[in-house]
Amino acid sequence: MSYMRIDGSVNYFVLEIRFVIDTDNVMGRPPLGMKPTTVRLSADTIARIEALVGNRRLALFVREAVENELRRRENPSSSDK
């Protein structure tokens, strides 16, 4: 806090507030926790996926398919043996 004195009286003061920021990038939304990854698929495979889910839902479909396959392989049921 700083004061400015003129003629022995305080005319105004300036309160300094400093924010401690722990990241360099403070603008925009918080990170989604995803890493961009290139996956190469044939044009036929992409067309089949888009026919099922629409052309704007390809990435979501791939993420869900990968998560489902990971769950299946990490937790095999007794019928798979």
C-alpha atoms as a PDB file:
ATOM      1  CA  MET A   1       0.000   0.000   0.000  1.00  0.00           C
ATOM      2  CA  SER A   2       1.387   3.411  -0.817  1.00  0.00           C
ATOM      3  CA  TYR A   3       0.267   6.864   0.275  1.00  0.00           C
ATOM      4  CA  MET A   4       0.736  10.197  -1.364  1.00  0.00           C
ATOM      5  CA  ARG A   5       1.094  13.131   1.010  1.00  0.00           C
ATOM      6  CA  ILE A   6       0.522  16.692  -0.034  1.00  0.00           C
ATOM      7  CA  ASP A   7       0.600  19.451   2.582  1.00  0.00           C
ATOM      8  CA  GLY A   8       0.753  16.929   5.419  1.00  0.00           C
ATOM      9  CA  SER A   9      -2.495  15.120   4.565  1.00  0.00           C
ATOM     10  CA  VAL A  10      -3.174  11.902   2.703  1.00  0.00           C
ATOM     11  CA  ASN A  11      -4.903  12.660  -0.578  1.00  0.00           C
ATOM     12  CA  TYR A  12      -5.191   9.112  -1.944  1.00  0.00           C
ATOM     13  CA  PHE A  13      -3.622   5.730  -1.750  1.00  0.00           C
ATOM     14  CA  VAL A  14      -2.919   2.964  -4.204  1.00  0.00           C
ATOM     15  CA  LEU A  15      -3.429  -0.625  -3.156  1.00  0.00           C
ATOM     16  CA  GLU A  16      -1.215  -2.975  -5.095  1.00  0.00           C
ATOM     17  CA  ILE A  17      -2.641  -6.438  -5.635  1.00  0.00           C
ATOM     18  CA  ARG A  18      -0.335  -8.994  -7.147  1.00  0.00           C
ATOM     19  CA  PHE A  19      -1.612 -12.268  -8.482  1.00  0.00           C
ATOM     20  CA  VAL A  20       0.656 -15.268  -8.447  1.00  0.00           C
ATOM     21  CA  ILE A  21       0.077 -17.223 -11.610  1.00  0.00           C
ATOM     22  CA  ASP A  22       1.469 -20.733 -11.809  1.00  0.00           C
ATOM     23  CA  THR A  23       1.155 -21.114 -15.582  1.00  0.00           C
ATOM     24  CA  ASP A  24       2.340 -19.119 -18.546  1.00  0.00           C
ATOM     25  CA  ASN A  25      -0.904 -19.538 -20.463  1.00  0.00           C
ATOM     26  CA  VAL A  26      -3.676 -17.798 -18.512  1.00  0.00           C
ATOM     27  CA  MET A  27      -6.066 -17.062 -21.368  1.00  0.00           C
ATOM     28  CA  GLY A  28      -8.759 -19.391 -22.667  1.00  0.00           C
ATOM     29  CA  ARG A  29     -10.293 -22.525 -21.288  1.00  0.00           C
ATOM     30  CA  PRO A  30      -8.437 -24.946 -19.033  1.00  0.00           C
ATOM     31  CA  PRO A  31      -6.680 -27.864 -20.720  1.00  0.00           C
ATOM     32  CA  LEU A  32      -8.828 -30.855 -21.544  1.00  0.00           C
ATOM     33  CA  GLY A  33      -6.187 -33.396 -20.577  1.00  0.00           C
ATOM     34  CA  MET A  34      -5.921 -34.808 -24.094  1.00  0.00           C
ATOM     35  CA  LYS A  35      -2.897 -35.150 -26.328  1.00  0.00           C
ATOM     36  CA  PRO A  36      -3.315 -34.829 -30.106  1.00  0.00           C
ATOM     37  CA  THR A  37      -2.401 -38.080 -31.857  1.00  0.00           C
ATOM     38  CA  THR A  38      -2.316 -38.924 -35.542  1.00  0.00           C
ATOM     39  CA  VAL A  39      -4.136 -42.120 -36.484  1.00  0.00           C
ATOM     40  CA  ARG A  40      -3.985 -43.325 -40.066  1.00  0.00           C
ATOM     41  CA  LEU A  41      -7.181 -44.957 -41.308  1.00  0.00           C
ATOM     42  CA  SER A  42      -8.168 -45.979 -44.814  1.00  0.00           C
ATOM     43  CA  ALA A  43     -10.624 -43.780 -46.677  1.00  0.00           C
ATOM     44  CA  ASP A  44     -13.102 -46.676 -46.625  1.00  0.00           C
ATOM     45  CA  THR A  45     -12.871 -46.990 -42.822  1.00  0.00           C
ATOM     46  CA  ILE A  46     -13.382 -43.250 -42.365  1.00  0.00           C
ATOM     47  CA  ALA A  47     -16.385 -43.317 -44.710  1.00  0.00           C
ATOM     48  CA  ARG A  48     -17.919 -46.230 -42.760  1.00  0.00           C
ATOM     49  CA  ILE A  49     -17.472 -44.416 -39.438  1.00  0.00           C
ATOM     50  CA  GLU A  50     -18.868 -41.146 -40.814  1.00  0.00           C
ATOM     51  CA  ALA A  51     -21.878 -43.014 -42.225  1.00  0.00           C
ATOM     52  CA  LEU A  52     -22.640 -44.274 -38.709  1.00  0.00           C
ATOM     53  CA  VAL A  53     -21.905 -41.215 -36.564  1.00  0.00           C
ATOM     54  CA  GLY A  54     -21.634 -38.219 -38.910  1.00  0.00           C
ATOM     55  CA  ASN A  55     -18.564 -36.462 -40.225  1.00  0.00           C
ATOM     56  CA  ARG A  56     -18.134 -34.203 -37.159  1.00  0.00           C
ATOM     57  CA  ARG A  57     -18.071 -37.104 -34.660  1.00  0.00           C
ATOM     58  CA  LEU A  58     -15.128 -39.129 -35.997  1.00  0.00           C
ATOM     59  CA  ALA A  59     -12.715 -38.232 -33.168  1.00  0.00           C
ATOM     60  CA  LEU A  60     -15.311 -38.997 -30.490  1.00  0.00           C
ATOM     61  CA  PHE A  61     -16.025 -42.374 -32.097  1.00  0.00           C
ATOM     62  CA  VAL A  62     -12.314 -43.262 -32.194  1.00  0.00           C
ATOM     63  CA  ARG A  63     -11.806 -42.195 -28.545  1.00  0.00           C
ATOM     64  CA  GLU A  64     -14.777 -44.274 -27.409  1.00  0.00           C
ATOM     65  CA  ALA A  65     -13.667 -47.295 -29.460  1.00  0.00           C
ATOM     66  CA  VAL A  66     -10.155 -47.130 -27.995  1.00  0.00           C
ATOM     67  CA  GLU A  67     -11.482 -46.783 -24.427  1.00  0.00           C
ATOM     68  CA  ASN A  68     -13.849 -49.735 -24.934  1.00  0.00           C
ATOM     69  CA  GLU A  69     -11.060 -51.910 -26.343  1.00  0.00           C
ATOM     70  CA  LEU A  70      -8.698 -50.958 -23.499  1.00  0.00           C
ATOM     71  CA  ARG A  71     -11.343 -51.886 -20.920  1.00  0.00           C
ATOM     72  CA  ARG A  72     -11.985 -55.185 -22.697  1.00  0.00           C
ATOM     73  CA  ARG A  73      -8.290 -56.111 -22.788  1.00  0.00           C
ATOM     74  CA  GLU A  74      -7.466 -54.889 -19.275  1.00  0.00           C
ATOM     75  CA  ASN A  75     -10.397 -56.755 -17.670  1.00  0.00           C
ATOM     76  CA  PRO A  76     -10.884 -59.989 -19.584  1.00  0.00           C
ATOM     77  CA  SER A  77     -13.980 -61.901 -18.563  1.00  0.00           C
ATOM     78  CA  SER A  78     -13.956 -65.631 -17.813  1.00  0.00           C
ATOM     79  CA  SER A  79     -15.780 -66.325 -21.107  1.00  0.00           C
ATOM     80  CA  ASP A  80     -12.787 -65.003 -23.103  1.00  0.00           C
ATOM     81  CA  LYS A  81     -10.475 -67.701 -21.711  1.00  0.00           C
END
